């Protein structure tokens, strides 16, 4: 039986062109899609800054999570 997290991983990997999504994909060149789930996995307790690739796409819910927690987005 698939869990909620399994379904999210399947959906996110389907949205990306090169397979599973990470903050810095090593696969084919393309833009990263970062969901709220991916963002929450990368956040550290008490952290106030998140570094992501310049051309990545943040979901609206991911932006809401970052804004509500007061986390600064640093694009490199």
PDB file of N, CA and C in Angstrom:
ATOM      1  N   UNK A   1       0.842  -1.181   0.000  1.00  0.00           N
ATOM      2  CA  UNK A   1       0.000   0.000   0.000  1.00  0.00           C
ATOM      3  C   UNK A   1       0.889   1.247   0.000  1.00  0.00           C
ATOM      4  N   UNK A   2       0.525   2.205  -0.818  1.00  0.00           N
ATOM      5  CA  UNK A   2       1.288   3.442  -0.903  1.00  0.00           C
ATOM      6  C   UNK A   2       0.906   4.384   0.223  1.00  0.00           C
ATOM      7  N   UNK A   3       1.911   5.038   0.783  1.00  0.00           N
ATOM      8  CA  UNK A   3       1.659   6.043   1.807  1.00  0.00           C
ATOM      9  C   UNK A   3       1.516   7.412   1.149  1.00  0.00           C
ATOM     10  N   UNK A   4       1.138   8.391   1.919  1.00  0.00           N
ATOM     11  CA  UNK A   4       1.011   9.762   1.415  1.00  0.00           C
ATOM     12  C   UNK A   4       2.348  10.255   0.865  1.00  0.00           C
ATOM     13  N   UNK A   5       3.429   9.970   1.592  1.00  0.00           N
ATOM     14  CA  UNK A   5       4.753  10.396   1.149  1.00  0.00           C
ATOM     15  C   UNK A   5       5.160   9.711  -0.153  1.00  0.00           C
ATOM     16  N   UNK A   6       4.806   8.431  -0.311  1.00  0.00           N
ATOM     17  CA  UNK A   6       5.095   7.729  -1.564  1.00  0.00           C
ATOM     18  C   UNK A   6       4.381   8.402  -2.734  1.00  0.00           C
ATOM     19  N   UNK A   7       3.122   8.754  -2.539  1.00  0.00           N
ATOM     20  CA  UNK A   7       2.359   9.417  -3.594  1.00  0.00           C
ATOM     21  C   UNK A   7       2.952  10.772  -3.947  1.00  0.00           C
ATOM     22  N   UNK A   8       3.371  11.529  -2.925  1.00  0.00           N
ATOM     23  CA  UNK A   8       3.998  12.825  -3.192  1.00  0.00           C
ATOM     24  C   UNK A   8       5.284  12.664  -3.986  1.00  0.00           C
ATOM     25  N   UNK A   9       6.095  11.677  -3.638  1.00  0.00           N
ATOM     26  CA  UNK A   9       7.330  11.429  -4.376  1.00  0.00           C
ATOM     27  C   UNK A   9       7.039  11.071  -5.831  1.00  0.00           C
ATOM     28  N   UNK A  10       6.014  10.269  -6.068  1.00  0.00           N
ATOM     29  CA  UNK A  10       5.647   9.878  -7.434  1.00  0.00           C
ATOM     30  C   UNK A  10       5.188  11.089  -8.232  1.00  0.00           C
ATOM     31  N   UNK A  11       4.368  11.931  -7.625  1.00  0.00           N
ATOM     32  CA  UNK A  11       3.863  13.119  -8.313  1.00  0.00           C
ATOM     33  C   UNK A  11       4.995  14.084  -8.636  1.00  0.00           C
ATOM     34  N   UNK A  12       5.858  14.339  -7.662  1.00  0.00           N
ATOM     35  CA  UNK A  12       6.956  15.284  -7.870  1.00  0.00           C
ATOM     36  C   UNK A  12       7.922  14.760  -8.929  1.00  0.00           C
ATOM     37  N   UNK A  13       8.234  13.471  -8.893  1.00  0.00           N
ATOM     38  CA  UNK A  13       9.150  12.930  -9.900  1.00  0.00           C
ATOM     39  C   UNK A  13       8.509  12.948 -11.280  1.00  0.00           C
ATOM     40  N   UNK A  14       7.189  12.826 -11.349  1.00  0.00           N
ATOM     41  CA  UNK A  14       6.501  12.920 -12.636  1.00  0.00           C
ATOM     42  C   UNK A  14       6.497  14.326 -13.189  1.00  0.00           C
ATOM     43  N   UNK A  15       6.507  15.327 -12.315  1.00  0.00           N
ATOM     44  CA  UNK A  15       6.528  16.712 -12.757  1.00  0.00           C
ATOM     45  C   UNK A  15       7.900  17.150 -13.255  1.00  0.00           C
ATOM     46  N   UNK A  16       8.923  16.492 -12.775  1.00  0.00           N
ATOM     47  CA  UNK A  16      10.268  16.841 -13.227  1.00  0.00           C
ATOM     48  C   UNK A  16      10.578  16.093 -14.517  1.00  0.00           C
ATOM     49  N   UNK A  17      11.475  16.634 -15.292  1.00  0.00           N
ATOM     50  CA  UNK A  17      11.817  16.012 -16.575  1.00  0.00           C
ATOM     51  C   UNK A  17      12.825  14.886 -16.430  1.00  0.00           C
ATOM     52  N   UNK A  18      13.679  14.956 -15.410  1.00  0.00           N
ATOM     53  CA  UNK A  18      14.765  14.004 -15.320  1.00  0.00           C
ATOM     54  C   UNK A  18      14.644  12.980 -14.219  1.00  0.00           C
ATOM     55  N   UNK A  19      13.473  12.741 -13.700  1.00  0.00           N
ATOM     56  CA  UNK A  19      13.330  11.760 -12.640  1.00  0.00           C
ATOM     57  C   UNK A  19      13.139  12.430 -11.305  1.00  0.00           C
ATOM     58  N   UNK A  20      13.590  11.784 -10.231  1.00  0.00           N
ATOM     59  CA  UNK A  20      13.376  12.334  -8.897  1.00  0.00           C
ATOM     60  C   UNK A  20      13.971  13.723  -8.743  1.00  0.00           C
ATOM     61  N   UNK A  21      13.301  14.529  -7.979  1.00  0.00           N
ATOM     62  CA  UNK A  21      13.696  15.926  -7.806  1.00  0.00           C
ATOM     63  C   UNK A  21      14.514  16.082  -6.539  1.00  0.00           C
ATOM     64  N   UNK A  22      15.570  16.864  -6.641  1.00  0.00           N
ATOM     65  CA  UNK A  22      16.348  17.240  -5.474  1.00  0.00           C
ATOM     66  C   UNK A  22      16.658  18.718  -5.601  1.00  0.00           C
ATOM     67  N   UNK A  23      17.305  19.269  -4.622  1.00  0.00           N
ATOM     68  CA  UNK A  23      17.630  20.684  -4.736  1.00  0.00           C
ATOM     69  C   UNK A  23      18.691  20.939  -5.792  1.00  0.00           C
ATOM     70  N   UNK A  24      19.595  19.996  -5.995  1.00  0.00           N
ATOM     71  CA  UNK A  24      20.610  20.131  -7.025  1.00  0.00           C
ATOM     72  C   UNK A  24      20.660  18.836  -7.827  1.00  0.00           C
ATOM     73  N   UNK A  25      19.792  18.695  -8.804  1.00  0.00           N
ATOM     74  CA  UNK A  25      19.746  17.439  -9.555  1.00  0.00           C
ATOM     75  C   UNK A  25      21.020  17.208 -10.359  1.00  0.00           C
ATOM     76  N   UNK A  26      21.461  15.974 -10.407  1.00  0.00           N
ATOM     77  CA  UNK A  26      22.651  15.624 -11.178  1.00  0.00           C
ATOM     78  C   UNK A  26      22.281  15.100 -12.554  1.00  0.00           C
ATOM     79  N   UNK A  27      21.024  14.930 -12.812  1.00  0.00           N
ATOM     80  CA  UNK A  27      20.546  14.355 -14.063  1.00  0.00           C
ATOM     81  C   UNK A  27      20.525  15.378 -15.175  1.00  0.00           C
ATOM     82  N   UNK A  28      19.671  15.138 -16.182  1.00  0.00           N
ATOM     83  CA  UNK A  28      19.571  16.051 -17.322  1.00  0.00           C
ATOM     84  C   UNK A  28      19.250  17.470 -16.867  1.00  0.00           C
ATOM     85  N   UNK A  29      19.758  18.428 -17.630  1.00  0.00           N
ATOM     86  CA  UNK A  29      19.552  19.827 -17.261  1.00  0.00           C
ATOM     87  C   UNK A  29      18.082  20.191 -17.403  1.00  0.00           C
ATOM     88  N   UNK A  30      17.603  20.946 -16.460  1.00  0.00           N
ATOM     89  CA  UNK A  30      16.217  21.380 -16.449  1.00  0.00           C
ATOM     90  C   UNK A  30      15.945  22.126 -15.169  1.00  0.00           C
ATOM     91  N   UNK A  31      14.769  22.661 -15.078  1.00  0.00           N
ATOM     92  CA  UNK A  31      14.399  23.405 -13.888  1.00  0.00           C
ATOM     93  C   UNK A  31      13.873  22.465 -12.821  1.00  0.00           C
ATOM     94  N   UNK A  32      14.226  22.742 -11.580  1.00  0.00           N
ATOM     95  CA  UNK A  32      13.733  21.963 -10.439  1.00  0.00           C
ATOM     96  C   UNK A  32      12.364  22.485 -10.037  1.00  0.00           C
ATOM     97  N   UNK A  33      11.461  21.579  -9.710  1.00  0.00           N
ATOM     98  CA  UNK A  33      10.183  21.944  -9.128  1.00  0.00           C
ATOM     99  C   UNK A  33      10.259  21.580  -7.658  1.00  0.00           C
ATOM    100  N   UNK A  34      10.121  22.566  -6.792  1.00  0.00           N
ATOM    101  CA  UNK A  34      10.223  22.337  -5.355  1.00  0.00           C
ATOM    102  C   UNK A  34       8.854  22.511  -4.711  1.00  0.00           C
ATOM    103  N   UNK A  35       8.339  21.417  -4.214  1.00  0.00           N
ATOM    104  CA  UNK A  35       7.043  21.432  -3.545  1.00  0.00           C
ATOM    105  C   UNK A  35       7.223  21.746  -2.068  1.00  0.00           C
ATOM    106  N   UNK A  36       6.121  21.915  -1.389  1.00  0.00           N
ATOM    107  CA  UNK A  36       6.131  22.157   0.050  1.00  0.00           C
ATOM    108  C   UNK A  36       6.803  20.991   0.774  1.00  0.00           C
ATOM    109  N   UNK A  37       6.557  19.784   0.308  1.00  0.00           N
ATOM    110  CA  UNK A  37       7.147  18.579   0.899  1.00  0.00           C
ATOM    111  C   UNK A  37       8.676  18.603   0.758  1.00  0.00           C
ATOM    112  N   UNK A  38       9.168  18.929  -0.430  1.00  0.00           N
ATOM    113  CA  UNK A  38      10.613  18.996  -0.665  1.00  0.00           C
ATOM    114  C   UNK A  38      11.257  20.084   0.183  1.00  0.00           C
ATOM    115  N   UNK A  39      10.591  21.221   0.297  1.00  0.00           N
ATOM    116  CA  UNK A  39      11.116  22.327   1.093  1.00  0.00           C
ATOM    117  C   UNK A  39      11.206  21.927   2.565  1.00  0.00           C
ATOM    118  N   UNK A  40      10.152  21.312   3.096  1.00  0.00           N
ATOM    119  CA  UNK A  40      10.145  20.910   4.503  1.00  0.00           C
ATOM    120  C   UNK A  40      11.237  19.890   4.795  1.00  0.00           C
ATOM    121  N   UNK A  41      11.566  19.033   3.816  1.00  0.00           N
ATOM    122  CA  UNK A  41      12.647  18.062   4.017  1.00  0.00           C
ATOM    123  C   UNK A  41      14.001  18.757   4.132  1.00  0.00           C
ATOM    124  N   UNK A  42      14.165  19.898   3.493  1.00  0.00           N
ATOM    125  CA  UNK A  42      15.451  20.594   3.473  1.00  0.00           C
ATOM    126  C   UNK A  42      15.634  21.581   4.621  1.00  0.00           C
ATOM    127  N   UNK A  43      14.551  21.956   5.290  1.00  0.00           N
ATOM    128  CA  UNK A  43      14.647  22.940   6.368  1.00  0.00           C
ATOM    129  C   UNK A  43      15.275  22.329   7.609  1.00  0.00           C
ATOM    130  N   UNK A  44      16.102  23.107   8.272  1.00  0.00           N
ATOM    131  CA  UNK A  44      16.688  22.684   9.542  1.00  0.00           C
ATOM    132  C   UNK A  44      16.003  23.458  10.659  1.00  0.00           C
ATOM    133  N   UNK A  45      15.954  22.861  11.821  1.00  0.00           N
ATOM    134  CA  UNK A  45      15.311  23.494  12.958  1.00  0.00           C
ATOM    135  C   UNK A  45      16.031  24.796  13.305  1.00  0.00           C
ATOM    136  N   UNK A  46      15.294  25.873  13.321  1.00  0.00           N
ATOM    137  CA  UNK A  46      15.870  27.173  13.659  1.00  0.00           C
ATOM    138  C   UNK A  46      16.533  27.882  12.495  1.00  0.00           C
ATOM    139  N   UNK A  47      16.616  27.235  11.329  1.00  0.00           N
ATOM    140  CA  UNK A  47      17.225  27.859  10.156  1.00  0.00           C
ATOM    141  C   UNK A  47      16.350  28.978   9.621  1.00  0.00           C
ATOM    142  N   UNK A  48      16.974  30.039   9.174  1.00  0.00           N
ATOM    143  CA  UNK A  48      16.218  31.181   8.651  1.00  0.00           C
ATOM    144  C   UNK A  48      16.549  31.494   7.200  1.00  0.00           C
ATOM    145  N   UNK A  49      17.323  30.618   6.550  1.00  0.00           N
ATOM    146  CA  UNK A  49      17.697  30.849   5.155  1.00  0.00           C
ATOM    147  C   UNK A  49      17.723  29.512   4.428  1.00  0.00           C
ATOM    148  N   UNK A  50      17.184  29.512   3.198  1.00  0.00           N
ATOM    149  CA  UNK A  50      17.188  28.315   2.355  1.00  0.00           C
ATOM    150  C   UNK A  50      17.816  28.681   1.020  1.00  0.00           C
ATOM    151  N   UNK A  51      18.835  27.942   0.613  1.00  0.00           N
ATOM    152  CA  UNK A  51      19.507  28.179  -0.659  1.00  0.00           C
ATOM    153  C   UNK A  51      18.969  27.203  -1.688  1.00  0.00           C
ATOM    154  N   UNK A  52      18.508  27.752  -2.821  1.00  0.00           N
ATOM    155  CA  UNK A  52      17.959  26.933  -3.898  1.00  0.00           C
ATOM    156  C   UNK A  52      18.564  27.391  -5.223  1.00  0.00           C
ATOM    157  N   UNK A  53      18.506  26.539  -6.265  1.00  0.00           N
ATOM    158  CA  UNK A  53      19.025  26.949  -7.574  1.00  0.00           C
ATOM    159  C   UNK A  53      18.257  28.152  -8.132  1.00  0.00           C
ATOM    160  N   UNK A  54      18.947  28.977  -8.908  1.00  0.00           N
ATOM    161  CA  UNK A  54      18.380  30.209  -9.457  1.00  0.00           C
ATOM    162  C   UNK A  54      17.129  29.961 -10.289  1.00  0.00           C
ATOM    163  N   UNK A  55      17.131  28.911 -11.102  1.00  0.00           N
ATOM    164  CA  UNK A  55      16.026  28.689 -12.039  1.00  0.00           C
ATOM    165  C   UNK A  55      14.963  27.725 -11.513  1.00  0.00           C
ATOM    166  N   UNK A  56      14.989  27.418 -10.221  1.00  0.00           N
ATOM    167  CA  UNK A  56      14.013  26.474  -9.672  1.00  0.00           C
ATOM    168  C   UNK A  56      12.631  27.124  -9.569  1.00  0.00           C
ATOM    169  N   UNK A  57      11.623  26.263  -9.577  1.00  0.00           N
ATOM    170  CA  UNK A  57      10.235  26.697  -9.467  1.00  0.00           C
ATOM    171  C   UNK A  57       9.726  26.290  -8.093  1.00  0.00           C
ATOM    172  N   UNK A  58       9.224  27.243  -7.343  1.00  0.00           N
ATOM    173  CA  UNK A  58       8.646  26.963  -6.031  1.00  0.00           C
ATOM    174  C   UNK A  58       7.130  26.926  -6.156  1.00  0.00           C
ATOM    175  N   UNK A  59       6.528  25.906  -5.584  1.00  0.00           N
ATOM    176  CA  UNK A  59       5.065  25.828  -5.604  1.00  0.00           C
ATOM    177  C   UNK A  59       4.505  26.943  -4.725  1.00  0.00           C
ATOM    178  N   UNK A  60       3.265  27.358  -4.994  1.00  0.00           N
ATOM    179  CA  UNK A  60       2.650  28.393  -4.157  1.00  0.00           C
ATOM    180  C   UNK A  60       2.600  27.994  -2.681  1.00  0.00           C
ATOM    181  N   UNK A  61       2.315  26.731  -2.401  1.00  0.00           N
ATOM    182  CA  UNK A  61       2.267  26.284  -1.012  1.00  0.00           C
ATOM    183  C   UNK A  61       3.656  26.345  -0.371  1.00  0.00           C
ATOM    184  N   UNK A  62       4.697  26.020  -1.127  1.00  0.00           N
ATOM    185  CA  UNK A  62       6.065  26.111  -0.611  1.00  0.00           C
ATOM    186  C   UNK A  62       6.400  27.567  -0.263  1.00  0.00           C
ATOM    187  N   UNK A  63       6.001  28.492  -1.125  1.00  0.00           N
ATOM    188  CA  UNK A  63       6.231  29.917  -0.841  1.00  0.00           C
ATOM    189  C   UNK A  63       5.488  30.346   0.420  1.00  0.00           C
ATOM    190  N   UNK A  64       4.264  29.863   0.591  1.00  0.00           N
ATOM    191  CA  UNK A  64       3.489  30.189   1.792  1.00  0.00           C
ATOM    192  C   UNK A  64       4.187  29.675   3.049  1.00  0.00           C
ATOM    193  N   UNK A  65       4.688  28.447   3.007  1.00  0.00           N
ATOM    194  CA  UNK A  65       5.379  27.852   4.157  1.00  0.00           C
ATOM    195  C   UNK A  65       6.605  28.688   4.520  1.00  0.00           C
ATOM    196  N   UNK A  66       7.390  29.058   3.513  1.00  0.00           N
ATOM    197  CA  UNK A  66       8.594  29.846   3.763  1.00  0.00           C
ATOM    198  C   UNK A  66       8.251  31.227   4.326  1.00  0.00           C
ATOM    199  N   UNK A  67       7.214  31.840   3.786  1.00  0.00           N
ATOM    200  CA  UNK A  67       6.804  33.164   4.259  1.00  0.00           C
ATOM    201  C   UNK A  67       6.298  33.105   5.699  1.00  0.00           C
ATOM    202  N   UNK A  68       5.452  32.122   5.996  1.00  0.00           N
ATOM    203  CA  UNK A  68       4.894  32.002   7.347  1.00  0.00           C
ATOM    204  C   UNK A  68       5.961  31.718   8.395  1.00  0.00           C
ATOM    205  N   UNK A  69       7.013  31.000   8.005  1.00  0.00           N
ATOM    206  CA  UNK A  69       8.080  30.675   8.948  1.00  0.00           C
ATOM    207  C   UNK A  69       9.184  31.748   8.955  1.00  0.00           C
ATOM    208  N   UNK A  70       9.057  32.753   8.113  1.00  0.00           N
ATOM    209  CA  UNK A  70      10.035  33.834   8.080  1.00  0.00           C
ATOM    210  C   UNK A  70      11.380  33.405   7.525  1.00  0.00           C
ATOM    211  N   UNK A  71      11.379  32.490   6.578  1.00  0.00           N
ATOM    212  CA  UNK A  71      12.619  31.975   6.011  1.00  0.00           C
ATOM    213  C   UNK A  71      12.963  32.720   4.733  1.00  0.00           C
ATOM    214  N   UNK A  72      14.200  33.181   4.650  1.00  0.00           N
ATOM    215  CA  UNK A  72      14.691  33.907   3.491  1.00  0.00           C
ATOM    216  C   UNK A  72      15.117  32.926   2.407  1.00  0.00           C
ATOM    217  N   UNK A  73      14.759  33.229   1.153  1.00  0.00           N
ATOM    218  CA  UNK A  73      15.130  32.390   0.024  1.00  0.00           C
ATOM    219  C   UNK A  73      16.365  32.985  -0.629  1.00  0.00           C
ATOM    220  N   UNK A  74      17.420  32.192  -0.713  1.00  0.00           N
ATOM    221  CA  UNK A  74      18.668  32.610  -1.353  1.00  0.00           C
ATOM    222  C   UNK A  74      18.830  31.801  -2.628  1.00  0.00           C
ATOM    223  N   UNK A  75      18.718  32.444  -3.779  1.00  0.00           N
ATOM    224  CA  UNK A  75      18.848  31.741  -5.068  1.00  0.00           C
ATOM    225  C   UNK A  75      20.282  31.885  -5.586  1.00  0.00           C
ATOM    226  N   UNK A  76      20.881  30.740  -5.903  1.00  0.00           N
ATOM    227  CA  UNK A  76      22.249  30.747  -6.436  1.00  0.00           C
ATOM    228  C   UNK A  76      22.300  30.190  -7.831  1.00  0.00           C
TER     229      UNK A  76
END
